[in-house]
């Protein structure tokens, strides 16, 4: 199962990579223990993939995911939302059985 990237999220990823001078890089997504619900999403921009990464490309943007994190992220959609009081990436993760109110941590 792939990880999907919405057109809005792809535009944000591309813009940020270009601003950093690494347009060929990608957004690294991962999971770490902690947070309100047990696991937290982690993100950072990376100029290149690592040897064991899974790479997902959609709408002109790339996401790098290590194999361990992929177990928790497969089938997920990364989106970008801009609302009156908040903006940022959102995670639509079918593997999450519970999430916290901020949307940055989840449980399986």
PDB file of N, CA and C in Angstrom:
ATOM      1  N   UNK A   1       0.841  -1.183   0.000  1.00  0.00           N
ATOM      2  CA  UNK A   1       0.000   0.000   0.000  1.00  0.00           C
ATOM      3  C   UNK A   1       0.881   1.240   0.000  1.00  0.00           C
ATOM      4  N   UNK A   2       0.509   2.165  -0.818  1.00  0.00           N
ATOM      5  CA  UNK A   2       1.288   3.393  -0.971  1.00  0.00           C
ATOM      6  C   UNK A   2       0.892   4.431   0.073  1.00  0.00           C
ATOM      7  N   UNK A   3       1.705   5.446   0.167  1.00  0.00           N
ATOM      8  CA  UNK A   3       1.376   6.644   0.921  1.00  0.00           C
ATOM      9  C   UNK A   3       1.026   7.700  -0.113  1.00  0.00           C
ATOM     10  N   UNK A   4      -0.139   8.312   0.030  1.00  0.00           N
ATOM     11  CA  UNK A   4      -0.610   9.310  -0.940  1.00  0.00           C
ATOM     12  C   UNK A   4      -0.255  10.710  -0.473  1.00  0.00           C
ATOM     13  N   UNK A   5      -0.069  11.593  -1.454  1.00  0.00           N
ATOM     14  CA  UNK A   5       0.250  12.995  -1.196  1.00  0.00           C
ATOM     15  C   UNK A   5      -0.794  13.839  -1.915  1.00  0.00           C
ATOM     16  N   UNK A   6      -1.553  14.617  -1.172  1.00  0.00           N
ATOM     17  CA  UNK A   6      -2.567  15.465  -1.803  1.00  0.00           C
ATOM     18  C   UNK A   6      -1.875  16.550  -2.630  1.00  0.00           C
ATOM     19  N   UNK A   7      -2.571  17.124  -3.605  1.00  0.00           N
ATOM     20  CA  UNK A   7      -1.972  18.210  -4.396  1.00  0.00           C
ATOM     21  C   UNK A   7      -1.521  19.385  -3.528  1.00  0.00           C
ATOM     22  N   UNK A   8      -2.289  19.722  -2.488  1.00  0.00           N
ATOM     23  CA  UNK A   8      -1.920  20.836  -1.606  1.00  0.00           C
ATOM     24  C   UNK A   8      -0.640  20.518  -0.835  1.00  0.00           C
ATOM     25  N   UNK A   9      -0.541  19.297  -0.296  1.00  0.00           N
ATOM     26  CA  UNK A   9       0.660  18.892   0.433  1.00  0.00           C
ATOM     27  C   UNK A   9       1.860  18.852  -0.504  1.00  0.00           C
ATOM     28  N   UNK A  10       1.659  18.370  -1.721  1.00  0.00           N
ATOM     29  CA  UNK A  10       2.752  18.306  -2.693  1.00  0.00           C
ATOM     30  C   UNK A  10       3.288  19.701  -3.004  1.00  0.00           C
ATOM     31  N   UNK A  11       2.407  20.670  -3.181  1.00  0.00           N
ATOM     32  CA  UNK A  11       2.855  22.048  -3.454  1.00  0.00           C
ATOM     33  C   UNK A  11       3.675  22.584  -2.291  1.00  0.00           C
ATOM     34  N   UNK A  12       3.239  22.311  -1.069  1.00  0.00           N
ATOM     35  CA  UNK A  12       3.962  22.799   0.111  1.00  0.00           C
ATOM     36  C   UNK A  12       5.339  22.137   0.203  1.00  0.00           C
ATOM     37  N   UNK A  13       5.396  20.843  -0.021  1.00  0.00           N
ATOM     38  CA  UNK A  13       6.672  20.119   0.006  1.00  0.00           C
ATOM     39  C   UNK A  13       7.620  20.689  -1.041  1.00  0.00           C
ATOM     40  N   UNK A  14       7.144  20.843  -2.271  1.00  0.00           N
ATOM     41  CA  UNK A  14       7.979  21.370  -3.354  1.00  0.00           C
ATOM     42  C   UNK A  14       8.484  22.771  -3.032  1.00  0.00           C
ATOM     43  N   UNK A  15       7.605  23.640  -2.551  1.00  0.00           N
ATOM     44  CA  UNK A  15       8.011  25.013  -2.221  1.00  0.00           C
ATOM     45  C   UNK A  15       9.082  25.015  -1.134  1.00  0.00           C
ATOM     46  N   UNK A  16       8.896  24.235  -0.090  1.00  0.00           N
ATOM     47  CA  UNK A  16       9.868  24.199   1.006  1.00  0.00           C
ATOM     48  C   UNK A  16      11.215  23.647   0.554  1.00  0.00           C
ATOM     49  N   UNK A  17      11.193  22.609  -0.275  1.00  0.00           N
ATOM     50  CA  UNK A  17      12.453  22.053  -0.786  1.00  0.00           C
ATOM     51  C   UNK A  17      13.179  23.062  -1.673  1.00  0.00           C
ATOM     52  N   UNK A  18      12.447  23.765  -2.505  1.00  0.00           N
ATOM     53  CA  UNK A  18      13.068  24.787  -3.362  1.00  0.00           C
ATOM     54  C   UNK A  18      13.657  25.908  -2.511  1.00  0.00           C
ATOM     55  N   UNK A  19      12.936  26.327  -1.471  1.00  0.00           N
ATOM     56  CA  UNK A  19      13.444  27.381  -0.584  1.00  0.00           C
ATOM     57  C   UNK A  19      14.710  26.945   0.145  1.00  0.00           C
ATOM     58  N   UNK A  20      14.866  25.648   0.398  1.00  0.00           N
ATOM     59  CA  UNK A  20      16.057  25.120   1.057  1.00  0.00           C
ATOM     60  C   UNK A  20      17.184  24.825   0.073  1.00  0.00           C
ATOM     61  N   UNK A  21      16.905  24.971  -1.225  1.00  0.00           N
ATOM     62  CA  UNK A  21      17.921  24.698  -2.238  1.00  0.00           C
ATOM     63  C   UNK A  21      18.130  23.232  -2.524  1.00  0.00           C
ATOM     64  N   UNK A  22      17.150  22.388  -2.168  1.00  0.00           N
ATOM     65  CA  UNK A  22      17.250  20.938  -2.417  1.00  0.00           C
ATOM     66  C   UNK A  22      15.989  20.438  -3.126  1.00  0.00           C
ATOM     67  N   UNK A  23      15.709  20.956  -4.330  1.00  0.00           N
ATOM     68  CA  UNK A  23      14.455  20.577  -5.004  1.00  0.00           C
ATOM     69  C   UNK A  23      14.349  19.095  -5.360  1.00  0.00           C
ATOM     70  N   UNK A  24      15.457  18.372  -5.366  1.00  0.00           N
ATOM     71  CA  UNK A  24      15.426  16.940  -5.688  1.00  0.00           C
ATOM     72  C   UNK A  24      15.245  16.083  -4.436  1.00  0.00           C
ATOM     73  N   UNK A  25      15.151  16.706  -3.276  1.00  0.00           N
ATOM     74  CA  UNK A  25      14.985  15.969  -2.024  1.00  0.00           C
ATOM     75  C   UNK A  25      13.542  15.568  -1.796  1.00  0.00           C
ATOM     76  N   UNK A  26      13.228  15.302  -0.549  1.00  0.00           N
ATOM     77  CA  UNK A  26      11.872  14.896  -0.211  1.00  0.00           C
ATOM     78  C   UNK A  26      11.578  15.158   1.254  1.00  0.00           C
ATOM     79  N   UNK A  27      10.339  14.917   1.622  1.00  0.00           N
ATOM     80  CA  UNK A  27       9.913  15.026   3.010  1.00  0.00           C
ATOM     81  C   UNK A  27      10.035  13.653   3.646  1.00  0.00           C
ATOM     82  N   UNK A  28      10.817  13.563   4.711  1.00  0.00           N
ATOM     83  CA  UNK A  28      10.971  12.300   5.426  1.00  0.00           C
ATOM     84  C   UNK A  28       9.882  12.216   6.489  1.00  0.00           C
ATOM     85  N   UNK A  29       9.084  11.152   6.412  1.00  0.00           N
ATOM     86  CA  UNK A  29       8.053  10.876   7.411  1.00  0.00           C
ATOM     87  C   UNK A  29       8.487   9.691   8.244  1.00  0.00           C
ATOM     88  N   UNK A  30       8.204   9.761   9.524  1.00  0.00           N
ATOM     89  CA  UNK A  30       8.534   8.665  10.404  1.00  0.00           C
ATOM     90  C   UNK A  30       7.597   8.625  11.591  1.00  0.00           C
ATOM     91  N   UNK A  31       7.839   7.661  12.450  1.00  0.00           N
ATOM     92  CA  UNK A  31       7.044   7.452  13.655  1.00  0.00           C
ATOM     93  C   UNK A  31       8.016   7.222  14.799  1.00  0.00           C
ATOM     94  N   UNK A  32       7.698   7.814  15.958  1.00  0.00           N
ATOM     95  CA  UNK A  32       8.488   7.543  17.159  1.00  0.00           C
ATOM     96  C   UNK A  32       7.535   7.338  18.324  1.00  0.00           C
ATOM     97  N   UNK A  33       7.996   6.650  19.335  1.00  0.00           N
ATOM     98  CA  UNK A  33       7.202   6.438  20.529  1.00  0.00           C
ATOM     99  C   UNK A  33       7.022   7.738  21.290  1.00  0.00           C
ATOM    100  N   UNK A  34       5.837   7.924  21.851  1.00  0.00           N
ATOM    101  CA  UNK A  34       5.557   9.122  22.635  1.00  0.00           C
ATOM    102  C   UNK A  34       4.312   9.817  22.145  1.00  0.00           C
ATOM    103  N   UNK A  35       3.980  10.907  22.776  1.00  0.00           N
ATOM    104  CA  UNK A  35       2.778  11.646  22.412  1.00  0.00           C
ATOM    105  C   UNK A  35       1.586  11.184  23.221  1.00  0.00           C
ATOM    106  N   UNK A  36       0.506  11.906  23.085  1.00  0.00           N
ATOM    107  CA  UNK A  36      -0.712  11.638  23.874  1.00  0.00           C
ATOM    108  C   UNK A  36      -1.275  10.246  23.627  1.00  0.00           C
ATOM    109  N   UNK A  37      -1.139   9.746  22.407  1.00  0.00           N
ATOM    110  CA  UNK A  37      -1.800   8.492  22.047  1.00  0.00           C
ATOM    111  C   UNK A  37      -0.849   7.317  21.864  1.00  0.00           C
ATOM    112  N   UNK A  38       0.439   7.503  22.149  1.00  0.00           N
ATOM    113  CA  UNK A  38       1.379   6.383  22.082  1.00  0.00           C
ATOM    114  C   UNK A  38       2.461   6.516  21.034  1.00  0.00           C
ATOM    115  N   UNK A  39       2.119   7.001  19.854  1.00  0.00           N
ATOM    116  CA  UNK A  39       3.089   7.191  18.771  1.00  0.00           C
ATOM    117  C   UNK A  39       2.943   8.606  18.230  1.00  0.00           C
ATOM    118  N   UNK A  40       4.052   9.176  17.783  1.00  0.00           N
ATOM    119  CA  UNK A  40       4.023  10.520  17.215  1.00  0.00           C
ATOM    120  C   UNK A  40       4.589  10.499  15.804  1.00  0.00           C
ATOM    121  N   UNK A  41       4.048  11.344  14.951  1.00  0.00           N
ATOM    122  CA  UNK A  41       4.588  11.534  13.616  1.00  0.00           C
ATOM    123  C   UNK A  41       5.812  12.437  13.714  1.00  0.00           C
ATOM    124  N   UNK A  42       6.826  12.146  12.920  1.00  0.00           N
ATOM    125  CA  UNK A  42       7.988  13.021  12.807  1.00  0.00           C
ATOM    126  C   UNK A  42       8.204  13.337  11.332  1.00  0.00           C
ATOM    127  N   UNK A  43       8.645  14.557  11.081  1.00  0.00           N
ATOM    128  CA  UNK A  43       8.871  14.998   9.704  1.00  0.00           C
ATOM    129  C   UNK A  43      10.127  15.856   9.656  1.00  0.00           C
ATOM    130  N   UNK A  44      10.841  15.738   8.559  1.00  0.00           N
ATOM    131  CA  UNK A  44      11.941  16.650   8.272  1.00  0.00           C
ATOM    132  C   UNK A  44      12.220  16.580   6.778  1.00  0.00           C
ATOM    133  N   UNK A  45      12.791  17.633   6.258  1.00  0.00           N
ATOM    134  CA  UNK A  45      13.167  17.634   4.850  1.00  0.00           C
ATOM    135  C   UNK A  45      14.545  17.016   4.718  1.00  0.00           C
ATOM    136  N   UNK A  46      14.694  16.171   3.712  1.00  0.00           N
ATOM    137  CA  UNK A  46      15.935  15.436   3.522  1.00  0.00           C
ATOM    138  C   UNK A  46      16.373  15.613   2.068  1.00  0.00           C
ATOM    139  N   UNK A  47      17.659  15.927   1.840  1.00  0.00           N
ATOM    140  CA  UNK A  47      18.104  16.135   0.465  1.00  0.00           C
ATOM    141  C   UNK A  47      18.143  14.864  -0.376  1.00  0.00           C
ATOM    142  N   UNK A  48      18.209  13.700   0.280  1.00  0.00           N
ATOM    143  CA  UNK A  48      18.232  12.450  -0.488  1.00  0.00           C
ATOM    144  C   UNK A  48      17.708  11.286   0.341  1.00  0.00           C
ATOM    145  N   UNK A  49      17.308  10.239  -0.355  1.00  0.00           N
ATOM    146  CA  UNK A  49      16.799   9.052   0.320  1.00  0.00           C
ATOM    147  C   UNK A  49      17.945   8.245   0.895  1.00  0.00           C
ATOM    148  N   UNK A  50      17.627   7.442   1.888  1.00  0.00           N
ATOM    149  CA  UNK A  50      18.589   6.510   2.479  1.00  0.00           C
ATOM    150  C   UNK A  50      18.427   5.150   1.785  1.00  0.00           C
ATOM    151  N   UNK A  51      19.447   4.292   1.849  1.00  0.00           N
ATOM    152  CA  UNK A  51      19.410   3.032   1.083  1.00  0.00           C
ATOM    153  C   UNK A  51      18.172   2.159   1.308  1.00  0.00           C
ATOM    154  N   UNK A  52      17.640   2.079   2.518  1.00  0.00           N
ATOM    155  CA  UNK A  52      16.501   1.189   2.775  1.00  0.00           C
ATOM    156  C   UNK A  52      15.164   1.901   2.814  1.00  0.00           C
ATOM    157  N   UNK A  53      15.105   3.140   2.363  1.00  0.00           N
ATOM    158  CA  UNK A  53      13.854   3.895   2.373  1.00  0.00           C
ATOM    159  C   UNK A  53      12.886   3.407   1.315  1.00  0.00           C
ATOM    160  N   UNK A  54      11.618   3.512   1.642  1.00  0.00           N
ATOM    161  CA  UNK A  54      10.569   3.418   0.629  1.00  0.00           C
ATOM    162  C   UNK A  54      10.341   4.846   0.157  1.00  0.00           C
ATOM    163  N   UNK A  55      10.178   5.014  -1.142  1.00  0.00           N
ATOM    164  CA  UNK A  55       9.989   6.344  -1.719  1.00  0.00           C
ATOM    165  C   UNK A  55       8.628   6.384  -2.407  1.00  0.00           C
ATOM    166  N   UNK A  56       7.857   7.417  -2.081  1.00  0.00           N
ATOM    167  CA  UNK A  56       6.542   7.605  -2.683  1.00  0.00           C
ATOM    168  C   UNK A  56       6.554   8.957  -3.374  1.00  0.00           C
ATOM    169  N   UNK A  57       6.106   8.966  -4.607  1.00  0.00           N
ATOM    170  CA  UNK A  57       6.086  10.207  -5.378  1.00  0.00           C
ATOM    171  C   UNK A  57       4.702  10.385  -5.988  1.00  0.00           C
ATOM    172  N   UNK A  58       4.144  11.554  -5.744  1.00  0.00           N
ATOM    173  CA  UNK A  58       2.817  11.865  -6.273  1.00  0.00           C
ATOM    174  C   UNK A  58       2.684  13.374  -6.390  1.00  0.00           C
ATOM    175  N   UNK A  59       2.045  13.829  -7.434  1.00  0.00           N
ATOM    176  CA  UNK A  59       1.821  15.254  -7.666  1.00  0.00           C
ATOM    177  C   UNK A  59       3.126  16.045  -7.648  1.00  0.00           C
ATOM    178  N   UNK A  60       4.230  15.398  -8.078  1.00  0.00           N
ATOM    179  CA  UNK A  60       5.517  16.079  -8.184  1.00  0.00           C
ATOM    180  C   UNK A  60       6.308  16.180  -6.892  1.00  0.00           C
ATOM    181  N   UNK A  61       5.859  15.555  -5.813  1.00  0.00           N
ATOM    182  CA  UNK A  61       6.574  15.606  -4.534  1.00  0.00           C
ATOM    183  C   UNK A  61       6.966  14.201  -4.103  1.00  0.00           C
ATOM    184  N   UNK A  62       8.044  14.127  -3.315  1.00  0.00           N
ATOM    185  CA  UNK A  62       8.540  12.846  -2.830  1.00  0.00           C
ATOM    186  C   UNK A  62       8.465  12.770  -1.308  1.00  0.00           C
ATOM    187  N   UNK A  63       8.156  11.553  -0.830  1.00  0.00           N
ATOM    188  CA  UNK A  63       8.178  11.244   0.597  1.00  0.00           C
ATOM    189  C   UNK A  63       9.106  10.053   0.786  1.00  0.00           C
ATOM    190  N   UNK A  64      10.007  10.153   1.777  1.00  0.00           N
ATOM    191  CA  UNK A  64      10.905   9.068   2.158  1.00  0.00           C
ATOM    192  C   UNK A  64      10.420   8.501   3.486  1.00  0.00           C
ATOM    193  N   UNK A  65      10.349   7.159   3.576  1.00  0.00           N
ATOM    194  CA  UNK A  65       9.888   6.507   4.800  1.00  0.00           C
ATOM    195  C   UNK A  65      10.788   5.310   5.087  1.00  0.00           C
ATOM    196  N   UNK A  66      11.309   5.231   6.324  1.00  0.00           N
ATOM    197  CA  UNK A  66      12.085   4.059   6.712  1.00  0.00           C
ATOM    198  C   UNK A  66      11.135   2.864   6.861  1.00  0.00           C
ATOM    199  N   UNK A  67      11.689   1.663   6.768  1.00  0.00           N
ATOM    200  CA  UNK A  67      10.852   0.458   6.752  1.00  0.00           C
ATOM    201  C   UNK A  67      10.053   0.263   8.039  1.00  0.00           C
ATOM    202  N   UNK A  68      10.630   0.594   9.196  1.00  0.00           N
ATOM    203  CA  UNK A  68       9.910   0.421  10.461  1.00  0.00           C
ATOM    204  C   UNK A  68       8.704   1.358  10.529  1.00  0.00           C
ATOM    205  N   UNK A  69       8.899   2.612  10.150  1.00  0.00           N
ATOM    206  CA  UNK A  69       7.791   3.571  10.166  1.00  0.00           C
ATOM    207  C   UNK A  69       6.717   3.205   9.152  1.00  0.00           C
ATOM    208  N   UNK A  70       7.130   2.620   8.040  1.00  0.00           N
ATOM    209  CA  UNK A  70       6.171   2.255   6.992  1.00  0.00           C
ATOM    210  C   UNK A  70       5.090   1.311   7.527  1.00  0.00           C
ATOM    211  N   UNK A  71       5.440   0.457   8.488  1.00  0.00           N
ATOM    212  CA  UNK A  71       4.445  -0.457   9.063  1.00  0.00           C
ATOM    213  C   UNK A  71       3.252   0.298   9.639  1.00  0.00           C
ATOM    214  N   UNK A  72       3.485   1.509  10.157  1.00  0.00           N
ATOM    215  CA  UNK A  72       2.434   2.313  10.775  1.00  0.00           C
ATOM    216  C   UNK A  72       1.824   3.347   9.817  1.00  0.00           C
ATOM    217  N   UNK A  73       2.496   3.592   8.696  1.00  0.00           N
ATOM    218  CA  UNK A  73       2.063   4.662   7.790  1.00  0.00           C
ATOM    219  C   UNK A  73       1.476   4.163   6.468  1.00  0.00           C
ATOM    220  N   UNK A  74       1.575   2.889   6.186  1.00  0.00           N
ATOM    221  CA  UNK A  74       1.104   2.392   4.884  1.00  0.00           C
ATOM    222  C   UNK A  74      -0.387   2.694   4.710  1.00  0.00           C
ATOM    223  N   UNK A  75      -0.728   3.156   3.524  1.00  0.00           N
ATOM    224  CA  UNK A  75      -2.109   3.496   3.217  1.00  0.00           C
ATOM    225  C   UNK A  75      -2.514   4.901   3.640  1.00  0.00           C
ATOM    226  N   UNK A  76      -1.609   5.637   4.254  1.00  0.00           N
ATOM    227  CA  UNK A  76      -1.890   6.976   4.764  1.00  0.00           C
ATOM    228  C   UNK A  76      -1.940   8.009   3.632  1.00  0.00           C
ATOM    229  N   UNK A  77      -2.679   9.084   3.863  1.00  0.00           N
ATOM    230  CA  UNK A  77      -2.676  10.235   2.963  1.00  0.00           C
ATOM    231  C   UNK A  77      -2.146  11.434   3.731  1.00  0.00           C
ATOM    232  N   UNK A  78      -1.161  12.112   3.148  1.00  0.00           N
ATOM    233  CA  UNK A  78      -0.637  13.351   3.715  1.00  0.00           C
ATOM    234  C   UNK A  78      -1.335  14.507   3.018  1.00  0.00           C
ATOM    235  N   UNK A  79      -1.916  15.390   3.802  1.00  0.00           N
ATOM    236  CA  UNK A  79      -2.646  16.532   3.257  1.00  0.00           C
ATOM    237  C   UNK A  79      -2.093  17.805   3.870  1.00  0.00           C
ATOM    238  N   UNK A  80      -2.460  18.941   3.307  1.00  0.00           N
ATOM    239  CA  UNK A  80      -2.099  20.260   3.837  1.00  0.00           C
ATOM    240  C   UNK A  80      -3.387  21.041   4.019  1.00  0.00           C
ATOM    241  N   UNK A  81      -3.580  21.601   5.194  1.00  0.00           N
ATOM    242  CA  UNK A  81      -4.789  22.363   5.491  1.00  0.00           C
ATOM    243  C   UNK A  81      -4.419  23.771   5.917  1.00  0.00           C
ATOM    244  N   UNK A  82      -5.173  24.727   5.427  1.00  0.00           N
ATOM    245  CA  UNK A  82      -5.031  26.107   5.880  1.00  0.00           C
ATOM    246  C   UNK A  82      -6.395  26.565   6.348  1.00  0.00           C
ATOM    247  N   UNK A  83      -6.473  26.871   7.644  1.00  0.00           N
ATOM    248  CA  UNK A  83      -7.711  27.348   8.236  1.00  0.00           C
ATOM    249  C   UNK A  83      -7.430  28.692   8.890  1.00  0.00           C
ATOM    250  N   UNK A  84      -8.462  29.324   9.364  1.00  0.00           N
ATOM    251  CA  UNK A  84      -8.336  30.649   9.938  1.00  0.00           C
ATOM    252  C   UNK A  84      -7.273  30.717  11.042  1.00  0.00           C
ATOM    253  N   UNK A  85      -7.262  29.757  11.947  1.00  0.00           N
ATOM    254  CA  UNK A  85      -6.357  29.800  13.105  1.00  0.00           C
ATOM    255  C   UNK A  85      -5.220  28.780  13.036  1.00  0.00           C
ATOM    256  N   UNK A  86      -5.142  28.002  11.955  1.00  0.00           N
ATOM    257  CA  UNK A  86      -4.158  26.930  11.933  1.00  0.00           C
ATOM    258  C   UNK A  86      -3.818  26.552  10.503  1.00  0.00           C
ATOM    259  N   UNK A  87      -2.577  26.178  10.295  1.00  0.00           N
ATOM    260  CA  UNK A  87      -2.172  25.619   9.014  1.00  0.00           C
ATOM    261  C   UNK A  87      -1.116  24.555   9.252  1.00  0.00           C
ATOM    262  N   UNK A  88      -1.078  23.551   8.384  1.00  0.00           N
ATOM    263  CA  UNK A  88      -0.064  22.515   8.531  1.00  0.00           C
ATOM    264  C   UNK A  88      -0.467  21.223   7.857  1.00  0.00           C
ATOM    265  N   UNK A  89       0.466  20.279   7.893  1.00  0.00           N
ATOM    266  CA  UNK A  89       0.219  18.959   7.343  1.00  0.00           C
ATOM    267  C   UNK A  89      -0.761  18.213   8.238  1.00  0.00           C
ATOM    268  N   UNK A  90      -1.623  17.441   7.618  1.00  0.00           N
ATOM    269  CA  UNK A  90      -2.538  16.571   8.350  1.00  0.00           C
ATOM    270  C   UNK A  90      -2.333  15.143   7.859  1.00  0.00           C
ATOM    271  N   UNK A  91      -2.572  14.210   8.745  1.00  0.00           N
ATOM    272  CA  UNK A  91      -2.342  12.799   8.474  1.00  0.00           C
ATOM    273  C   UNK A  91      -3.668  12.060   8.506  1.00  0.00           C
ATOM    274  N   UNK A  92      -4.028  11.448   7.400  1.00  0.00           N
ATOM    275  CA  UNK A  92      -5.220  10.601   7.343  1.00  0.00           C
ATOM    276  C   UNK A  92      -4.685   9.173   7.313  1.00  0.00           C
ATOM    277  N   UNK A  93      -4.643   8.560   8.489  1.00  0.00           N
ATOM    278  CA  UNK A  93      -3.972   7.279   8.652  1.00  0.00           C
ATOM    279  C   UNK A  93      -4.983   6.184   8.993  1.00  0.00           C
ATOM    280  N   UNK A  94      -5.226   5.249   8.060  1.00  0.00           N
ATOM    281  CA  UNK A  94      -6.192   4.178   8.335  1.00  0.00           C
ATOM    282  C   UNK A  94      -5.711   3.185   9.386  1.00  0.00           C
ATOM    283  N   UNK A  95      -4.434   3.228   9.758  1.00  0.00           N
ATOM    284  CA  UNK A  95      -3.897   2.320  10.765  1.00  0.00           C
ATOM    285  C   UNK A  95      -4.124   2.825  12.182  1.00  0.00           C
ATOM    286  N   UNK A  96      -4.477   4.085  12.328  1.00  0.00           N
ATOM    287  CA  UNK A  96      -4.656   4.682  13.651  1.00  0.00           C
ATOM    288  C   UNK A  96      -6.012   4.274  14.230  1.00  0.00           C
ATOM    289  N   UNK A  97      -5.986   3.716  15.432  1.00  0.00           N
ATOM    290  CA  UNK A  97      -7.236   3.361  16.107  1.00  0.00           C
ATOM    291  C   UNK A  97      -7.708   4.492  17.015  1.00  0.00           C
ATOM    292  N   UNK A  98      -6.787   5.400  17.357  1.00  0.00           N
ATOM    293  CA  UNK A  98      -7.131   6.590  18.129  1.00  0.00           C
ATOM    294  C   UNK A  98      -6.115   7.679  17.803  1.00  0.00           C
ATOM    295  N   UNK A  99      -6.531   8.915  17.925  1.00  0.00           N
ATOM    296  CA  UNK A  99      -5.637  10.054  17.705  1.00  0.00           C
ATOM    297  C   UNK A  99      -5.883  11.081  18.796  1.00  0.00           C
ATOM    298  N   UNK A 100      -4.895  11.935  18.981  1.00  0.00           N
ATOM    299  CA  UNK A 100      -5.073  13.014  19.948  1.00  0.00           C
ATOM    300  C   UNK A 100      -5.738  14.193  19.226  1.00  0.00           C
ATOM    301  N   UNK A 101      -6.160  15.170  19.977  1.00  0.00           N
ATOM    302  CA  UNK A 101      -6.880  16.310  19.380  1.00  0.00           C
ATOM    303  C   UNK A 101      -6.001  17.140  18.459  1.00  0.00           C
ATOM    304  N   UNK A 102      -4.700  17.141  18.664  1.00  0.00           N
ATOM    305  CA  UNK A 102      -3.825  17.945  17.802  1.00  0.00           C
ATOM    306  C   UNK A 102      -3.533  17.234  16.484  1.00  0.00           C
ATOM    307  N   UNK A 103      -3.768  15.914  16.421  1.00  0.00           N
ATOM    308  CA  UNK A 103      -3.547  15.169  15.189  1.00  0.00           C
ATOM    309  C   UNK A 103      -2.107  14.745  14.953  1.00  0.00           C
ATOM    310  N   UNK A 104      -1.202  15.010  15.912  1.00  0.00           N
ATOM    311  CA  UNK A 104       0.197  14.678  15.722  1.00  0.00           C
ATOM    312  C   UNK A 104       0.626  13.386  16.403  1.00  0.00           C
ATOM    313  N   UNK A 105      -0.282  12.774  17.159  1.00  0.00           N
ATOM    314  CA  UNK A 105       0.034  11.474  17.742  1.00  0.00           C
ATOM    315  C   UNK A 105      -1.150  10.537  17.540  1.00  0.00           C
ATOM    316  N   UNK A 106      -0.846   9.246  17.589  1.00  0.00           N
ATOM    317  CA  UNK A 106      -1.885   8.249  17.308  1.00  0.00           C
ATOM    318  C   UNK A 106      -1.534   6.950  18.000  1.00  0.00           C
ATOM    319  N   UNK A 107      -2.497   6.064  18.072  1.00  0.00           N
ATOM    320  CA  UNK A 107      -2.306   4.723  18.602  1.00  0.00           C
ATOM    321  C   UNK A 107      -2.769   3.708  17.595  1.00  0.00           C
ATOM    322  N   UNK A 108      -2.210   2.508  17.696  1.00  0.00           N
ATOM    323  CA  UNK A 108      -2.614   1.426  16.789  1.00  0.00           C
ATOM    324  C   UNK A 108      -3.107   0.235  17.581  1.00  0.00           C
TER     325      UNK A 108
END
